Amino acid sequence: MSDSCDLLCLDLERAEALRATRPTADDAESAAERAKGLADPTRLLIASALRDADGELCVCDLAWIVERSDTLVSHHVRSLKAAKLVSSRRDGKMVMYSLTAVGRALLDATLPEPVQA
């Protein structure tokens, strides 16, 4: 069975209305980049730790939680930040990370919150 129609059955009015309101190419590109931000298991674990902490964590804490080296976690946090899924703030010699609202929404749609015992 083919995944496409066997005949042209375009609902032109409906298709044109949807076409007029679709995201711009730039918006689609930005959304795809954000989605790619969670397309790595380590980044997904980091984002999950930030969500479950319900606050800020530093790279040292994140590395301990996800059982990866601090240099690897730092690399992945930069990727999450570039995708606008994580924000940071400097606190003296430490840099604290937290999920952005977009990061939390995307993570919640991807990975459900753990059940509290």
C-alpha atoms as a PDB file:
ATOM      1  CA  MET A   1       0.000   0.000   0.000  1.00  0.00           C
ATOM      2  CA  SER A   2       1.417   3.374  -1.012  1.00  0.00           C
ATOM      3  CA  ASP A   3       1.572   6.317   1.386  1.00  0.00           C
ATOM      4  CA  SER A   4       0.374   8.765  -1.259  1.00  0.00           C
ATOM      5  CA  CYS A   5      -2.958   9.379  -2.987  1.00  0.00           C
ATOM      6  CA  ASP A   6      -3.681   7.518  -6.214  1.00  0.00           C
ATOM      7  CA  LEU A   7      -5.349  10.613  -7.661  1.00  0.00           C
ATOM      8  CA  LEU A   8      -5.053  14.385  -7.279  1.00  0.00           C
ATOM      9  CA  CYS A   9      -7.581  15.353  -4.610  1.00  0.00           C
ATOM     10  CA  LEU A  10      -6.526  18.879  -3.624  1.00  0.00           C
ATOM     11  CA  ASP A  11      -8.922  20.851  -1.422  1.00  0.00           C
ATOM     12  CA  LEU A  12      -7.604  24.131  -2.801  1.00  0.00           C
ATOM     13  CA  GLU A  13      -9.452  26.504  -0.476  1.00  0.00           C
ATOM     14  CA  ARG A  14      -8.357  24.658   2.642  1.00  0.00           C
ATOM     15  CA  ALA A  15      -4.811  24.082   1.363  1.00  0.00           C
ATOM     16  CA  GLU A  16      -4.364  27.760   0.449  1.00  0.00           C
ATOM     17  CA  ALA A  17      -5.632  28.880   3.878  1.00  0.00           C
ATOM     18  CA  LEU A  18      -3.165  26.560   5.615  1.00  0.00           C
ATOM     19  CA  ARG A  19      -0.356  27.588   3.276  1.00  0.00           C
ATOM     20  CA  ALA A  20      -0.967  31.259   4.112  1.00  0.00           C
ATOM     21  CA  THR A  21      -0.574  30.617   7.852  1.00  0.00           C
ATOM     22  CA  ARG A  22       2.312  28.145   7.833  1.00  0.00           C
ATOM     23  CA  PRO A  23       5.512  29.094   9.665  1.00  0.00           C
ATOM     24  CA  THR A  24       8.120  31.004   7.714  1.00  0.00           C
ATOM     25  CA  ALA A  25      11.205  29.151   6.537  1.00  0.00           C
ATOM     26  CA  ASP A  26      13.250  30.967   9.219  1.00  0.00           C
ATOM     27  CA  ASP A  27      10.760  29.996  11.949  1.00  0.00           C
ATOM     28  CA  ALA A  28      10.808  26.380  10.789  1.00  0.00           C
ATOM     29  CA  GLU A  29      14.615  26.388  10.781  1.00  0.00           C
ATOM     30  CA  SER A  30      14.711  27.790  14.339  1.00  0.00           C
ATOM     31  CA  ALA A  31      12.204  25.213  15.566  1.00  0.00           C
ATOM     32  CA  ALA A  32      14.167  22.390  13.936  1.00  0.00           C
ATOM     33  CA  GLU A  33      17.368  23.601  15.631  1.00  0.00           C
ATOM     34  CA  ARG A  34      15.603  23.651  19.012  1.00  0.00           C
ATOM     35  CA  ALA A  35      14.307  20.123  18.435  1.00  0.00           C
ATOM     36  CA  LYS A  36      17.825  18.977  17.493  1.00  0.00           C
ATOM     37  CA  GLY A  37      18.948  20.295  20.874  1.00  0.00           C
ATOM     38  CA  LEU A  38      17.316  17.311  22.564  1.00  0.00           C
ATOM     39  CA  ALA A  39      18.295  14.801  19.866  1.00  0.00           C
ATOM     40  CA  ASP A  40      21.213  13.479  21.917  1.00  0.00           C
ATOM     41  CA  PRO A  41      20.777  11.176  24.945  1.00  0.00           C
ATOM     42  CA  THR A  42      23.255  13.149  27.078  1.00  0.00           C
ATOM     43  CA  ARG A  43      21.534  16.467  26.313  1.00  0.00           C
ATOM     44  CA  LEU A  44      18.188  14.861  27.087  1.00  0.00           C
ATOM     45  CA  LEU A  45      19.537  13.659  30.462  1.00  0.00           C
ATOM     46  CA  ILE A  46      20.950  17.120  31.227  1.00  0.00           C
ATOM     47  CA  ALA A  47      17.664  18.828  30.370  1.00  0.00           C
ATOM     48  CA  SER A  48      15.784  16.271  32.457  1.00  0.00           C
ATOM     49  CA  ALA A  49      18.060  16.927  35.444  1.00  0.00           C
ATOM     50  CA  LEU A  50      17.506  20.675  35.104  1.00  0.00           C
ATOM     51  CA  ARG A  51      13.741  20.181  34.953  1.00  0.00           C
ATOM     52  CA  ASP A  52      13.662  17.770  37.894  1.00  0.00           C
ATOM     53  CA  ALA A  53      15.893  20.034  39.993  1.00  0.00           C
ATOM     54  CA  ASP A  54      13.237  22.727  39.656  1.00  0.00           C
ATOM     55  CA  GLY A  55      15.967  25.344  39.685  1.00  0.00           C
ATOM     56  CA  GLU A  56      19.547  25.928  38.706  1.00  0.00           C
ATOM     57  CA  LEU A  57      22.476  23.530  38.548  1.00  0.00           C
ATOM     58  CA  CYS A  58      26.137  23.993  37.672  1.00  0.00           C
ATOM     59  CA  VAL A  59      28.140  21.776  35.306  1.00  0.00           C
ATOM     60  CA  CYS A  60      29.722  19.941  38.267  1.00  0.00           C
ATOM     61  CA  ASP A  61      26.279  18.949  39.591  1.00  0.00           C
ATOM     62  CA  LEU A  62      25.054  18.027  36.123  1.00  0.00           C
ATOM     63  CA  ALA A  63      28.135  15.890  35.421  1.00  0.00           C
ATOM     64  CA  TRP A  64      27.582  13.981  38.666  1.00  0.00           C
ATOM     65  CA  ILE A  65      23.872  13.479  37.998  1.00  0.00           C
ATOM     66  CA  VAL A  66      24.214  12.272  34.383  1.00  0.00           C
ATOM     67  CA  GLU A  67      27.441  10.340  35.070  1.00  0.00           C
ATOM     68  CA  ARG A  68      29.478  12.058  32.339  1.00  0.00           C
ATOM     69  CA  SER A  69      32.676  14.114  32.461  1.00  0.00           C
ATOM     70  CA  ASP A  70      32.381  17.811  33.224  1.00  0.00           C
ATOM     71  CA  THR A  71      33.994  18.668  29.857  1.00  0.00           C
ATOM     72  CA  LEU A  72      31.420  16.578  27.982  1.00  0.00           C
ATOM     73  CA  VAL A  73      28.557  18.100  29.990  1.00  0.00           C
ATOM     74  CA  SER A  74      29.936  21.590  29.367  1.00  0.00           C
ATOM     75  CA  HIS A  75      29.980  20.880  25.621  1.00  0.00           C
ATOM     76  CA  HIS A  76      26.376  19.664  25.676  1.00  0.00           C
ATOM     77  CA  VAL A  77      25.180  22.562  27.830  1.00  0.00           C
ATOM     78  CA  ARG A  78      26.627  24.945  25.215  1.00  0.00           C
ATOM     79  CA  SER A  79      24.589  23.120  22.552  1.00  0.00           C
ATOM     80  CA  LEU A  80      21.439  23.394  24.662  1.00  0.00           C
ATOM     81  CA  LYS A  81      22.130  27.082  25.220  1.00  0.00           C
ATOM     82  CA  ALA A  82      22.696  27.673  21.489  1.00  0.00           C
ATOM     83  CA  ALA A  83      19.324  26.017  20.841  1.00  0.00           C
ATOM     84  CA  LYS A  84      17.762  28.406  23.406  1.00  0.00           C
ATOM     85  CA  LEU A  85      16.649  25.496  25.575  1.00  0.00           C
ATOM     86  CA  VAL A  86      18.883  26.463  28.507  1.00  0.00           C
ATOM     87  CA  SER A  87      19.871  29.815  29.981  1.00  0.00           C
ATOM     88  CA  SER A  88      22.810  30.619  32.209  1.00  0.00           C
ATOM     89  CA  ARG A  89      23.933  33.170  34.737  1.00  0.00           C
ATOM     90  CA  ARG A  90      27.283  33.702  36.373  1.00  0.00           C
ATOM     91  CA  ASP A  91      27.411  33.494  40.168  1.00  0.00           C
ATOM     92  CA  GLY A  92      30.971  34.411  41.146  1.00  0.00           C
ATOM     93  CA  LYS A  93      33.188  31.680  39.737  1.00  0.00           C
ATOM     94  CA  MET A  94      30.268  29.390  38.970  1.00  0.00           C
ATOM     95  CA  VAL A  95      27.903  29.363  36.009  1.00  0.00           C
ATOM     96  CA  MET A  96      24.394  28.242  36.856  1.00  0.00           C
ATOM     97  CA  TYR A  97      22.101  26.709  34.237  1.00  0.00           C
ATOM     98  CA  SER A  98      18.341  26.390  34.042  1.00  0.00           C
ATOM     99  CA  LEU A  99      15.791  25.350  31.433  1.00  0.00           C
ATOM    100  CA  THR A 100      14.058  28.076  29.463  1.00  0.00           C
ATOM    101  CA  ALA A 101      10.273  27.943  29.091  1.00  0.00           C
ATOM    102  CA  VAL A 102      10.749  26.646  25.543  1.00  0.00           C
ATOM    103  CA  GLY A 103      13.225  24.046  26.795  1.00  0.00           C
ATOM    104  CA  ARG A 104      10.815  22.826  29.439  1.00  0.00           C
ATOM    105  CA  ALA A 105       7.896  22.646  27.004  1.00  0.00           C
ATOM    106  CA  LEU A 106       9.941  20.701  24.450  1.00  0.00           C
ATOM    107  CA  LEU A 107      11.322  18.364  27.123  1.00  0.00           C
ATOM    108  CA  ASP A 108       7.853  17.778  28.594  1.00  0.00           C
ATOM    109  CA  ALA A 109       6.566  16.878  25.118  1.00  0.00           C
ATOM    110  CA  THR A 110       9.510  14.507  24.613  1.00  0.00           C
ATOM    111  CA  LEU A 111      10.078  12.945  28.019  1.00  0.00           C
ATOM    112  CA  PRO A 112       7.372  12.692  30.696  1.00  0.00           C
ATOM    113  CA  GLU A 113       8.171  13.756  34.231  1.00  0.00           C
ATOM    114  CA  PRO A 114       9.072  10.906  36.592  1.00  0.00           C
ATOM    115  CA  VAL A 115       6.401   9.573  38.898  1.00  0.00           C
ATOM    116  CA  GLN A 116       7.064  10.734  42.464  1.00  0.00           C
ATOM    117  CA  ALA A 117       7.136   7.889  44.991  1.00  0.00           C
END
